[in-house]
Amino acid sequence: AAMGHLGEGALNHMVLMGCGEPFDNYHNV
C-alpha cells in the first residue's frame, strides 16, 4: 500500500517497529 501510494522506489528499507511485538506474532512475521 505504501508503494502504491507513494510510487515505485519510494522505499528501500523497512523496520518492524510499529504497533505490536513482532515475536508475539512469530510465525506470520
mmCIF file of all heavy atoms, coordinates in Angstrom:
data_MODEL
# 
_entry.id   MODEL 
# 
loop_
_atom_site.group_PDB 
_atom_site.id 
_atom_site.type_symbol 
_atom_site.label_atom_id 
_atom_site.label_alt_id 
_atom_site.label_comp_id 
_atom_site.label_asym_id 
_atom_site.label_entity_id 
_atom_site.label_seq_id 
_atom_site.pdbx_PDB_ins_code 
_atom_site.Cartn_x 
_atom_site.Cartn_y 
_atom_site.Cartn_z 
_atom_site.occupancy 
_atom_site.B_iso_or_equiv 
_atom_site.pdbx_formal_charge 
_atom_site.auth_seq_id 
_atom_site.auth_comp_id 
_atom_site.auth_asym_id 
_atom_site.auth_atom_id 
_atom_site.pdbx_PDB_model_num 
ATOM 1   N N   . ALA A 1 1  ? 0.826  -1.209  0.000   1.00 0.00 ? 1  ALA A N   1 
ATOM 2   C CA  . ALA A 1 1  ? 0.000  0.000   0.000   1.00 0.00 ? 1  ALA A CA  1 
ATOM 3   C C   . ALA A 1 1  ? 0.858  1.256   0.000   1.00 0.00 ? 1  ALA A C   1 
ATOM 4   O O   . ALA A 1 1  ? 0.539  2.241   -0.678  1.00 0.00 ? 1  ALA A O   1 
ATOM 5   C CB  . ALA A 1 1  ? -0.924 -0.006  1.215   1.00 0.00 ? 1  ALA A CB  1 
ATOM 6   N N   . ALA A 1 2  ? 1.949  1.239   0.752   1.00 0.00 ? 2  ALA A N   1 
ATOM 7   C CA  . ALA A 1 2  ? 2.828  2.410   0.791   1.00 0.00 ? 2  ALA A CA  1 
ATOM 8   C C   . ALA A 1 2  ? 3.455  2.663   -0.573  1.00 0.00 ? 2  ALA A C   1 
ATOM 9   O O   . ALA A 1 2  ? 3.529  3.806   -1.039  1.00 0.00 ? 2  ALA A O   1 
ATOM 10  C CB  . ALA A 1 2  ? 3.909  2.222   1.849   1.00 0.00 ? 2  ALA A CB  1 
ATOM 11  N N   . MET A 1 3  ? 3.894  1.601   -1.250  1.00 0.00 ? 3  MET A N   1 
ATOM 12  C CA  . MET A 1 3  ? 4.481  1.767   -2.575  1.00 0.00 ? 3  MET A CA  1 
ATOM 13  C C   . MET A 1 3  ? 3.427  2.218   -3.577  1.00 0.00 ? 3  MET A C   1 
ATOM 14  O O   . MET A 1 3  ? 3.700  3.050   -4.454  1.00 0.00 ? 3  MET A O   1 
ATOM 15  C CB  . MET A 1 3  ? 5.154  0.470   -3.026  1.00 0.00 ? 3  MET A CB  1 
ATOM 16  C CG  . MET A 1 3  ? 6.413  0.139   -2.239  1.00 0.00 ? 3  MET A CG  1 
ATOM 17  S SD  . MET A 1 3  ? 7.383  -1.204  -2.954  1.00 0.00 ? 3  MET A SD  1 
ATOM 18  C CE  . MET A 1 3  ? 6.251  -2.583  -2.795  1.00 0.00 ? 3  MET A CE  1 
ATOM 19  N N   . GLY A 1 4  ? 2.234  1.673   -3.451  1.00 0.00 ? 4  GLY A N   1 
ATOM 20  C CA  . GLY A 1 4  ? 1.167  2.094   -4.354  1.00 0.00 ? 4  GLY A CA  1 
ATOM 21  C C   . GLY A 1 4  ? 0.800  3.557   -4.169  1.00 0.00 ? 4  GLY A C   1 
ATOM 22  O O   . GLY A 1 4  ? 0.456  4.248   -5.133  1.00 0.00 ? 4  GLY A O   1 
ATOM 23  N N   . HIS A 1 5  ? 0.894  4.033   -2.938  1.00 0.00 ? 5  HIS A N   1 
ATOM 24  C CA  . HIS A 1 5  ? 0.524  5.421   -2.645  1.00 0.00 ? 5  HIS A CA  1 
ATOM 25  C C   . HIS A 1 5  ? 1.623  6.404   -3.037  1.00 0.00 ? 5  HIS A C   1 
ATOM 26  O O   . HIS A 1 5  ? 1.333  7.478   -3.585  1.00 0.00 ? 5  HIS A O   1 
ATOM 27  C CB  . HIS A 1 5  ? 0.218  5.563   -1.154  1.00 0.00 ? 5  HIS A CB  1 
ATOM 28  C CG  . HIS A 1 5  ? -0.292 6.916   -0.760  1.00 0.00 ? 5  HIS A CG  1 
ATOM 29  N ND1 . HIS A 1 5  ? -1.614 7.271   -0.853  1.00 0.00 ? 5  HIS A ND1 1 
ATOM 30  C CD2 . HIS A 1 5  ? 0.364  8.014   -0.282  1.00 0.00 ? 5  HIS A CD2 1 
ATOM 31  C CE1 . HIS A 1 5  ? -1.771 8.521   -0.440  1.00 0.00 ? 5  HIS A CE1 1 
ATOM 32  N NE2 . HIS A 1 5  ? -0.589 8.999   -0.096  1.00 0.00 ? 5  HIS A NE2 1 
ATOM 33  N N   . LEU A 1 6  ? 2.875  6.034   -2.763  1.00 0.00 ? 6  LEU A N   1 
ATOM 34  C CA  . LEU A 1 6  ? 3.983  6.968   -2.950  1.00 0.00 ? 6  LEU A CA  1 
ATOM 35  C C   . LEU A 1 6  ? 4.753  6.755   -4.238  1.00 0.00 ? 6  LEU A C   1 
ATOM 36  O O   . LEU A 1 6  ? 5.538  7.613   -4.637  1.00 0.00 ? 6  LEU A O   1 
ATOM 37  C CB  . LEU A 1 6  ? 4.950  6.872   -1.755  1.00 0.00 ? 6  LEU A CB  1 
ATOM 38  C CG  . LEU A 1 6  ? 4.356  7.287   -0.407  1.00 0.00 ? 6  LEU A CG  1 
ATOM 39  C CD1 . LEU A 1 6  ? 5.341  6.991   0.710   1.00 0.00 ? 6  LEU A CD1 1 
ATOM 40  C CD2 . LEU A 1 6  ? 3.992  8.766   -0.409  1.00 0.00 ? 6  LEU A CD2 1 
ATOM 41  N N   . GLY A 1 7  ? 4.552  5.603   -4.881  1.00 0.00 ? 7  GLY A N   1 
ATOM 42  C CA  . GLY A 1 7  ? 5.209  5.361   -6.151  1.00 0.00 ? 7  GLY A CA  1 
ATOM 43  C C   . GLY A 1 7  ? 6.393  4.416   -6.051  1.00 0.00 ? 7  GLY A C   1 
ATOM 44  O O   . GLY A 1 7  ? 6.967  4.199   -4.977  1.00 0.00 ? 7  GLY A O   1 
ATOM 45  N N   . GLU A 1 8  ? 6.767  3.855   -7.182  1.00 0.00 ? 8  GLU A N   1 
ATOM 46  C CA  . GLU A 1 8  ? 7.871  2.902   -7.258  1.00 0.00 ? 8  GLU A CA  1 
ATOM 47  C C   . GLU A 1 8  ? 9.161  3.569   -6.789  1.00 0.00 ? 8  GLU A C   1 
ATOM 48  O O   . GLU A 1 8  ? 9.449  4.714   -7.091  1.00 0.00 ? 8  GLU A O   1 
ATOM 49  C CB  . GLU A 1 8  ? 8.038  2.428   -8.695  1.00 0.00 ? 8  GLU A CB  1 
ATOM 50  C CG  . GLU A 1 8  ? 9.011  1.290   -8.878  1.00 0.00 ? 8  GLU A CG  1 
ATOM 51  C CD  . GLU A 1 8  ? 9.030  0.766   -10.302 1.00 0.00 ? 8  GLU A CD  1 
ATOM 52  O OE1 . GLU A 1 8  ? 8.249  1.295   -11.126 1.00 0.00 ? 8  GLU A OE1 1 
ATOM 53  O OE2 . GLU A 1 8  ? 9.815  -0.144  -10.589 1.00 0.00 ? 8  GLU A OE2 1 
ATOM 54  N N   . GLY A 1 9  ? 9.926  2.826   -5.995  1.00 0.00 ? 9  GLY A N   1 
ATOM 55  C CA  . GLY A 1 9  ? 11.185 3.357   -5.486  1.00 0.00 ? 9  GLY A CA  1 
ATOM 56  C C   . GLY A 1 9  ? 11.047 4.215   -4.247  1.00 0.00 ? 9  GLY A C   1 
ATOM 57  O O   . GLY A 1 9  ? 12.019 4.817   -3.788  1.00 0.00 ? 9  GLY A O   1 
ATOM 58  N N   . ALA A 1 10 ? 9.829  4.270   -3.686  1.00 0.00 ? 10 ALA A N   1 
ATOM 59  C CA  . ALA A 1 10 ? 9.611  5.130   -2.521  1.00 0.00 ? 10 ALA A CA  1 
ATOM 60  C C   . ALA A 1 10 ? 10.310 4.601   -1.277  1.00 0.00 ? 10 ALA A C   1 
ATOM 61  O O   . ALA A 1 10 ? 10.618 5.357   -0.361  1.00 0.00 ? 10 ALA A O   1 
ATOM 62  C CB  . ALA A 1 10 ? 8.120  5.270   -2.241  1.00 0.00 ? 10 ALA A CB  1 
ATOM 63  N N   . LEU A 1 11 ? 10.565 3.299   -1.224  1.00 0.00 ? 11 LEU A N   1 
ATOM 64  C CA  . LEU A 1 11 ? 11.211 2.740   -0.036  1.00 0.00 ? 11 LEU A CA  1 
ATOM 65  C C   . LEU A 1 11 ? 12.185 1.643   -0.429  1.00 0.00 ? 11 LEU A C   1 
ATOM 66  O O   . LEU A 1 11 ? 11.962 0.902   -1.389  1.00 0.00 ? 11 LEU A O   1 
ATOM 67  C CB  . LEU A 1 11 ? 10.179 2.220   0.959   1.00 0.00 ? 11 LEU A CB  1 
ATOM 68  C CG  . LEU A 1 11 ? 9.324  1.015   0.568   1.00 0.00 ? 11 LEU A CG  1 
ATOM 69  C CD1 . LEU A 1 11 ? 9.825  -0.261  1.222   1.00 0.00 ? 11 LEU A CD1 1 
ATOM 70  C CD2 . LEU A 1 11 ? 7.874  1.256   0.950   1.00 0.00 ? 11 LEU A CD2 1 
ATOM 71  N N   . ASN A 1 12 ? 13.273 1.583   0.311   1.00 0.00 ? 12 ASN A N   1 
ATOM 72  C CA  . ASN A 1 12 ? 14.250 0.511   0.116   1.00 0.00 ? 12 ASN A CA  1 
ATOM 73  C C   . ASN A 1 12 ? 14.692 -0.116  1.431   1.00 0.00 ? 12 ASN A C   1 
ATOM 74  O O   . ASN A 1 12 ? 15.544 -0.994  1.453   1.00 0.00 ? 12 ASN A O   1 
ATOM 75  C CB  . ASN A 1 12 ? 15.475 1.012   -0.669  1.00 0.00 ? 12 ASN A CB  1 
ATOM 76  C CG  . ASN A 1 12 ? 16.075 2.273   -0.072  1.00 0.00 ? 12 ASN A CG  1 
ATOM 77  O OD1 . ASN A 1 12 ? 15.840 2.594   1.097   1.00 0.00 ? 12 ASN A OD1 1 
ATOM 78  N ND2 . ASN A 1 12 ? 16.849 2.981   -0.862  1.00 0.00 ? 12 ASN A ND2 1 
ATOM 79  N N   . HIS A 1 13 ? 14.122 0.368   2.525   1.00 0.00 ? 13 HIS A N   1 
ATOM 80  C CA  . HIS A 1 13 ? 14.369 -0.201  3.840   1.00 0.00 ? 13 HIS A CA  1 
ATOM 81  C C   . HIS A 1 13 ? 13.036 -0.385  4.545   1.00 0.00 ? 13 HIS A C   1 
ATOM 82  O O   . HIS A 1 13 ? 12.051 0.294   4.222   1.00 0.00 ? 13 HIS A O   1 
ATOM 83  C CB  . HIS A 1 13 ? 15.251 0.713   4.693   1.00 0.00 ? 13 HIS A CB  1 
ATOM 84  C CG  . HIS A 1 13 ? 16.680 0.787   4.261   1.00 0.00 ? 13 HIS A CG  1 
ATOM 85  N ND1 . HIS A 1 13 ? 17.071 1.371   3.066   1.00 0.00 ? 13 HIS A ND1 1 
ATOM 86  C CD2 . HIS A 1 13 ? 17.820 0.360   4.862   1.00 0.00 ? 13 HIS A CD2 1 
ATOM 87  C CE1 . HIS A 1 13 ? 18.389 1.298   2.949   1.00 0.00 ? 13 HIS A CE1 1 
ATOM 88  N NE2 . HIS A 1 13 ? 18.860 0.697   4.031   1.00 0.00 ? 13 HIS A NE2 1 
ATOM 89  N N   . MET A 1 14 ? 13.001 -1.275  5.515   1.00 0.00 ? 14 MET A N   1 
ATOM 90  C CA  . MET A 1 14 ? 11.816 -1.398  6.353   1.00 0.00 ? 14 MET A CA  1 
ATOM 91  C C   . MET A 1 14 ? 12.229 -1.770  7.767   1.00 0.00 ? 14 MET A C   1 
ATOM 92  O O   . MET A 1 14 ? 13.259 -2.421  7.984   1.00 0.00 ? 14 MET A O   1 
ATOM 93  C CB  . MET A 1 14 ? 10.825 -2.409  5.786   1.00 0.00 ? 14 MET A CB  1 
ATOM 94  C CG  . MET A 1 14 ? 11.279 -3.843  5.829   1.00 0.00 ? 14 MET A CG  1 
ATOM 95  S SD  . MET A 1 14 ? 10.033 -4.954  5.116   1.00 0.00 ? 14 MET A SD  1 
ATOM 96  C CE  . MET A 1 14 ? 10.134 -4.498  3.384   1.00 0.00 ? 14 MET A CE  1 
ATOM 97  N N   . VAL A 1 15 ? 11.430 -1.306  8.716   1.00 0.00 ? 15 VAL A N   1 
ATOM 98  C CA  . VAL A 1 15 ? 11.677 -1.628  10.114  1.00 0.00 ? 15 VAL A CA  1 
ATOM 99  C C   . VAL A 1 15 ? 10.381 -2.128  10.733  1.00 0.00 ? 15 VAL A C   1 
ATOM 100 O O   . VAL A 1 15 ? 9.325  -1.517  10.572  1.00 0.00 ? 15 VAL A O   1 
ATOM 101 C CB  . VAL A 1 15 ? 12.216 -0.398  10.888  1.00 0.00 ? 15 VAL A CB  1 
ATOM 102 C CG1 . VAL A 1 15 ? 13.597 -0.021  10.384  1.00 0.00 ? 15 VAL A CG1 1 
ATOM 103 C CG2 . VAL A 1 15 ? 11.299 0.802   10.782  1.00 0.00 ? 15 VAL A CG2 1 
ATOM 104 N N   . LEU A 1 16 ? 10.459 -3.261  11.407  1.00 0.00 ? 16 LEU A N   1 
ATOM 105 C CA  . LEU A 1 16 ? 9.301  -3.814  12.102  1.00 0.00 ? 16 LEU A CA  1 
ATOM 106 C C   . LEU A 1 16 ? 9.332  -3.252  13.515  1.00 0.00 ? 16 LEU A C   1 
ATOM 107 O O   . LEU A 1 16 ? 9.764  -3.897  14.471  1.00 0.00 ? 16 LEU A O   1 
ATOM 108 C CB  . LEU A 1 16 ? 9.342  -5.337  12.099  1.00 0.00 ? 16 LEU A CB  1 
ATOM 109 C CG  . LEU A 1 16 ? 8.897  -6.038  10.809  1.00 0.00 ? 16 LEU A CG  1 
ATOM 110 C CD1 . LEU A 1 16 ? 9.908  -5.794  9.683   1.00 0.00 ? 16 LEU A CD1 1 
ATOM 111 C CD2 . LEU A 1 16 ? 8.755  -7.542  11.027  1.00 0.00 ? 16 LEU A CD2 1 
ATOM 112 N N   . MET A 1 17 ? 8.884  -1.991  13.622  1.00 0.00 ? 17 MET A N   1 
ATOM 113 C CA  . MET A 1 17 ? 8.958  -1.253  14.876  1.00 0.00 ? 17 MET A CA  1 
ATOM 114 C C   . MET A 1 17 ? 7.671  -0.492  15.149  1.00 0.00 ? 17 MET A C   1 
ATOM 115 O O   . MET A 1 17 ? 7.630  0.371   16.020  1.00 0.00 ? 17 MET A O   1 
ATOM 116 C CB  . MET A 1 17 ? 10.127 -0.255  14.850  1.00 0.00 ? 17 MET A CB  1 
ATOM 117 C CG  . MET A 1 17 ? 11.489 -0.892  14.745  1.00 0.00 ? 17 MET A CG  1 
ATOM 118 S SD  . MET A 1 17 ? 12.789 0.365   14.780  1.00 0.00 ? 17 MET A SD  1 
ATOM 119 C CE  . MET A 1 17 ? 14.243 -0.646  14.505  1.00 0.00 ? 17 MET A CE  1 
ATOM 120 N N   . GLY A 1 18 ? 6.628  -0.752  14.385  1.00 0.00 ? 18 GLY A N   1 
ATOM 121 C CA  . GLY A 1 18 ? 5.359  -0.078  14.613  1.00 0.00 ? 18 GLY A CA  1 
ATOM 122 C C   . GLY A 1 18 ? 4.578  -0.750  15.724  1.00 0.00 ? 18 GLY A C   1 
ATOM 123 O O   . GLY A 1 18 ? 5.157  -1.337  16.644  1.00 0.00 ? 18 GLY A O   1 
ATOM 124 N N   . CYS A 1 19 ? 3.261  -0.682  15.658  1.00 0.00 ? 19 CYS A N   1 
ATOM 125 C CA  . CYS A 1 19 ? 2.432  -1.279  16.706  1.00 0.00 ? 19 CYS A CA  1 
ATOM 126 C C   . CYS A 1 19 ? 2.656  -2.784  16.789  1.00 0.00 ? 19 CYS A C   1 
ATOM 127 O O   . CYS A 1 19 ? 2.687  -3.485  15.776  1.00 0.00 ? 19 CYS A O   1 
ATOM 128 C CB  . CYS A 1 19 ? 0.959  -0.997  16.425  1.00 0.00 ? 19 CYS A CB  1 
ATOM 129 S SG  . CYS A 1 19 ? 0.503  0.736   16.616  1.00 0.00 ? 19 CYS A SG  1 
ATOM 130 N N   . GLY A 1 20 ? 2.764  -3.274  18.009  1.00 0.00 ? 20 GLY A N   1 
ATOM 131 C CA  . GLY A 1 20 ? 2.871  -4.702  18.222  1.00 0.00 ? 20 GLY A CA  1 
ATOM 132 C C   . GLY A 1 20 ? 4.296  -5.169  18.479  1.00 0.00 ? 20 GLY A C   1 
ATOM 133 O O   . GLY A 1 20 ? 5.266  -4.475  18.213  1.00 0.00 ? 20 GLY A O   1 
ATOM 134 N N   . GLU A 1 21 ? 4.394  -6.362  19.033  1.00 0.00 ? 21 GLU A N   1 
ATOM 135 C CA  . GLU A 1 21 ? 5.664  -7.046  19.267  1.00 0.00 ? 21 GLU A CA  1 
ATOM 136 C C   . GLU A 1 21 ? 5.835  -8.112  18.183  1.00 0.00 ? 21 GLU A C   1 
ATOM 137 O O   . GLU A 1 21 ? 5.077  -9.087  18.140  1.00 0.00 ? 21 GLU A O   1 
ATOM 138 C CB  . GLU A 1 21 ? 5.652  -7.688  20.664  1.00 0.00 ? 21 GLU A CB  1 
ATOM 139 C CG  . GLU A 1 21 ? 6.663  -8.800  20.893  1.00 0.00 ? 21 GLU A CG  1 
ATOM 140 C CD  . GLU A 1 21 ? 8.111  -8.390  20.672  1.00 0.00 ? 21 GLU A CD  1 
ATOM 141 O OE1 . GLU A 1 21 ? 8.545  -7.380  21.259  1.00 0.00 ? 21 GLU A OE1 1 
ATOM 142 O OE2 . GLU A 1 21 ? 8.812  -9.099  19.910  1.00 0.00 ? 21 GLU A OE2 1 
ATOM 143 N N   . PRO A 1 22 ? 6.799  -7.945  17.271  1.00 0.00 ? 22 PRO A N   1 
ATOM 144 C CA  . PRO A 1 22 ? 6.942  -8.893  16.154  1.00 0.00 ? 22 PRO A CA  1 
ATOM 145 C C   . PRO A 1 22 ? 7.046  -10.353 16.580  1.00 0.00 ? 22 PRO A C   1 
ATOM 146 O O   . PRO A 1 22 ? 6.453  -11.229 15.951  1.00 0.00 ? 22 PRO A O   1 
ATOM 147 C CB  . PRO A 1 22 ? 8.223  -8.412  15.469  1.00 0.00 ? 22 PRO A CB  1 
ATOM 148 C CG  . PRO A 1 22 ? 8.289  -6.956  15.772  1.00 0.00 ? 22 PRO A CG  1 
ATOM 149 C CD  . PRO A 1 22 ? 7.746  -6.826  17.160  1.00 0.00 ? 22 PRO A CD  1 
ATOM 150 N N   . PHE A 1 23 ? 7.789  -10.623 17.652  1.00 0.00 ? 23 PHE A N   1 
ATOM 151 C CA  . PHE A 1 23 ? 7.977  -12.019 18.056  1.00 0.00 ? 23 PHE A CA  1 
ATOM 152 C C   . PHE A 1 23 ? 6.759  -12.584 18.784  1.00 0.00 ? 23 PHE A C   1 
ATOM 153 O O   . PHE A 1 23 ? 6.705  -13.782 19.064  1.00 0.00 ? 23 PHE A O   1 
ATOM 154 C CB  . PHE A 1 23 ? 9.222  -12.160 18.923  1.00 0.00 ? 23 PHE A CB  1 
ATOM 155 C CG  . PHE A 1 23 ? 10.513 -12.138 18.128  1.00 0.00 ? 23 PHE A CG  1 
ATOM 156 C CD1 . PHE A 1 23 ? 11.720 -11.890 18.761  1.00 0.00 ? 23 PHE A CD1 1 
ATOM 157 C CD2 . PHE A 1 23 ? 10.519 -12.382 16.765  1.00 0.00 ? 23 PHE A CD2 1 
ATOM 158 C CE1 . PHE A 1 23 ? 12.914 -11.883 18.047  1.00 0.00 ? 23 PHE A CE1 1 
ATOM 159 C CE2 . PHE A 1 23 ? 11.699 -12.372 16.040  1.00 0.00 ? 23 PHE A CE2 1 
ATOM 160 C CZ  . PHE A 1 23 ? 12.908 -12.123 16.677  1.00 0.00 ? 23 PHE A CZ  1 
ATOM 161 N N   . ASP A 1 24 ? 5.761  -11.738 19.093  1.00 0.00 ? 24 ASP A N   1 
ATOM 162 C CA  . ASP A 1 24 ? 4.490  -12.233 19.615  1.00 0.00 ? 24 ASP A CA  1 
ATOM 163 C C   . ASP A 1 24 ? 3.576  -12.677 18.472  1.00 0.00 ? 24 ASP A C   1 
ATOM 164 O O   . ASP A 1 24 ? 2.533  -13.274 18.699  1.00 0.00 ? 24 ASP A O   1 
ATOM 165 C CB  . ASP A 1 24 ? 3.809  -11.143 20.448  1.00 0.00 ? 24 ASP A CB  1 
ATOM 166 C CG  . ASP A 1 24 ? 2.703  -11.666 21.340  1.00 0.00 ? 24 ASP A CG  1 
ATOM 167 O OD1 . ASP A 1 24 ? 2.829  -12.813 21.837  1.00 0.00 ? 24 ASP A OD1 1 
ATOM 168 O OD2 . ASP A 1 24 ? 1.717  -10.941 21.559  1.00 0.00 ? 24 ASP A OD2 1 
ATOM 169 N N   . ASN A 1 25 ? 3.986  -12.369 17.258  1.00 0.00 ? 25 ASN A N   1 
ATOM 170 C CA  . ASN A 1 25 ? 3.305  -12.818 16.030  1.00 0.00 ? 25 ASN A CA  1 
ATOM 171 C C   . ASN A 1 25 ? 4.339  -13.566 15.188  1.00 0.00 ? 25 ASN A C   1 
ATOM 172 O O   . ASN A 1 25 ? 4.504  -13.315 14.000  1.00 0.00 ? 25 ASN A O   1 
ATOM 173 C CB  . ASN A 1 25 ? 2.747  -11.603 15.270  1.00 0.00 ? 25 ASN A CB  1 
ATOM 174 C CG  . ASN A 1 25 ? 1.887  -11.989 14.079  1.00 0.00 ? 25 ASN A CG  1 
ATOM 175 O OD1 . ASN A 1 25 ? 1.467  -13.135 13.931  1.00 0.00 ? 25 ASN A OD1 1 
ATOM 176 N ND2 . ASN A 1 25 ? 1.633  -11.019 13.201  1.00 0.00 ? 25 ASN A ND2 1 
ATOM 177 N N   . TYR A 1 26 ? 5.027  -14.479 15.846  1.00 0.00 ? 26 TYR A N   1 
ATOM 178 C CA  . TYR A 1 26 ? 6.274  -15.041 15.324  1.00 0.00 ? 26 TYR A CA  1 
ATOM 179 C C   . TYR A 1 26 ? 6.139  -15.666 13.940  1.00 0.00 ? 26 TYR A C   1 
ATOM 180 O O   . TYR A 1 26 ? 6.860  -15.314 13.005  1.00 0.00 ? 26 TYR A O   1 
ATOM 181 C CB  . TYR A 1 26 ? 6.825  -16.080 16.310  1.00 0.00 ? 26 TYR A CB  1 
ATOM 182 C CG  . TYR A 1 26 ? 8.158  -16.656 15.910  1.00 0.00 ? 26 TYR A CG  1 
ATOM 183 C CD1 . TYR A 1 26 ? 9.339  -15.971 16.178  1.00 0.00 ? 26 TYR A CD1 1 
ATOM 184 C CD2 . TYR A 1 26 ? 8.236  -17.889 15.257  1.00 0.00 ? 26 TYR A CD2 1 
ATOM 185 C CE1 . TYR A 1 26 ? 10.570 -16.494 15.810  1.00 0.00 ? 26 TYR A CE1 1 
ATOM 186 C CE2 . TYR A 1 26 ? 9.457  -18.418 14.886  1.00 0.00 ? 26 TYR A CE2 1 
ATOM 187 C CZ  . TYR A 1 26 ? 10.627 -17.718 15.160  1.00 0.00 ? 26 TYR A CZ  1 
ATOM 188 O OH  . TYR A 1 26 ? 11.834 -18.245 14.776  1.00 0.00 ? 26 TYR A OH  1 
ATOM 189 N N   . HIS A 1 27 ? 5.249  -16.605 13.774  1.00 0.00 ? 27 HIS A N   1 
ATOM 190 C CA  . HIS A 1 27 ? 5.196  -17.385 12.531  1.00 0.00 ? 27 HIS A CA  1 
ATOM 191 C C   . HIS A 1 27 ? 4.795  -16.527 11.337  1.00 0.00 ? 27 HIS A C   1 
ATOM 192 O O   . HIS A 1 27 ? 5.351  -16.684 10.234  1.00 0.00 ? 27 HIS A O   1 
ATOM 193 C CB  . HIS A 1 27 ? 4.266  -18.597 12.698  1.00 0.00 ? 27 HIS A CB  1 
ATOM 194 C CG  . HIS A 1 27 ? 4.751  -19.568 13.730  1.00 0.00 ? 27 HIS A CG  1 
ATOM 195 N ND1 . HIS A 1 27 ? 5.890  -20.329 13.543  1.00 0.00 ? 27 HIS A ND1 1 
ATOM 196 C CD2 . HIS A 1 27 ? 4.278  -19.877 14.965  1.00 0.00 ? 27 HIS A CD2 1 
ATOM 197 C CE1 . HIS A 1 27 ? 6.090  -21.079 14.616  1.00 0.00 ? 27 HIS A CE1 1 
ATOM 198 N NE2 . HIS A 1 27 ? 5.130  -20.820 15.494  1.00 0.00 ? 27 HIS A NE2 1 
ATOM 199 N N   . ASN A 1 28 ? 3.848  -15.618 11.524  1.00 0.00 ? 28 ASN A N   1 
ATOM 200 C CA  . ASN A 1 28 ? 3.474  -14.734 10.420  1.00 0.00 ? 28 ASN A CA  1 
ATOM 201 C C   . ASN A 1 28 ? 4.609  -13.787 10.059  1.00 0.00 ? 28 ASN A C   1 
ATOM 202 O O   . ASN A 1 28 ? 4.836  -13.493 8.877   1.00 0.00 ? 28 ASN A O   1 
ATOM 203 C CB  . ASN A 1 28 ? 2.229  -13.939 10.783  1.00 0.00 ? 28 ASN A CB  1 
ATOM 204 C CG  . ASN A 1 28 ? 0.960  -14.773 10.740  1.00 0.00 ? 28 ASN A CG  1 
ATOM 205 O OD1 . ASN A 1 28 ? 0.911  -15.825 10.112  1.00 0.00 ? 28 ASN A OD1 1 
ATOM 206 N ND2 . ASN A 1 28 ? -0.069 -14.313 11.421  1.00 0.00 ? 28 ASN A ND2 1 
ATOM 207 N N   . VAL A 1 29 ? 5.333  -13.306 11.060  1.00 0.00 ? 29 VAL A N   1 
ATOM 208 C CA  . VAL A 1 29 ? 6.454  -12.396 10.799  1.00 0.00 ? 29 VAL A CA  1 
ATOM 209 C C   . VAL A 1 29 ? 7.579  -13.120 10.059  1.00 0.00 ? 29 VAL A C   1 
ATOM 210 O O   . VAL A 1 29 ? 8.167  -12.572 9.116   1.00 0.00 ? 29 VAL A O   1 
ATOM 211 C CB  . VAL A 1 29 ? 6.952  -11.767 12.117  1.00 0.00 ? 29 VAL A CB  1 
ATOM 212 C CG1 . VAL A 1 29 ? 8.334  -11.117 11.938  1.00 0.00 ? 29 VAL A CG1 1 
ATOM 213 C CG2 . VAL A 1 29 ? 5.952  -10.725 12.609  1.00 0.00 ? 29 VAL A CG2 1 
# 
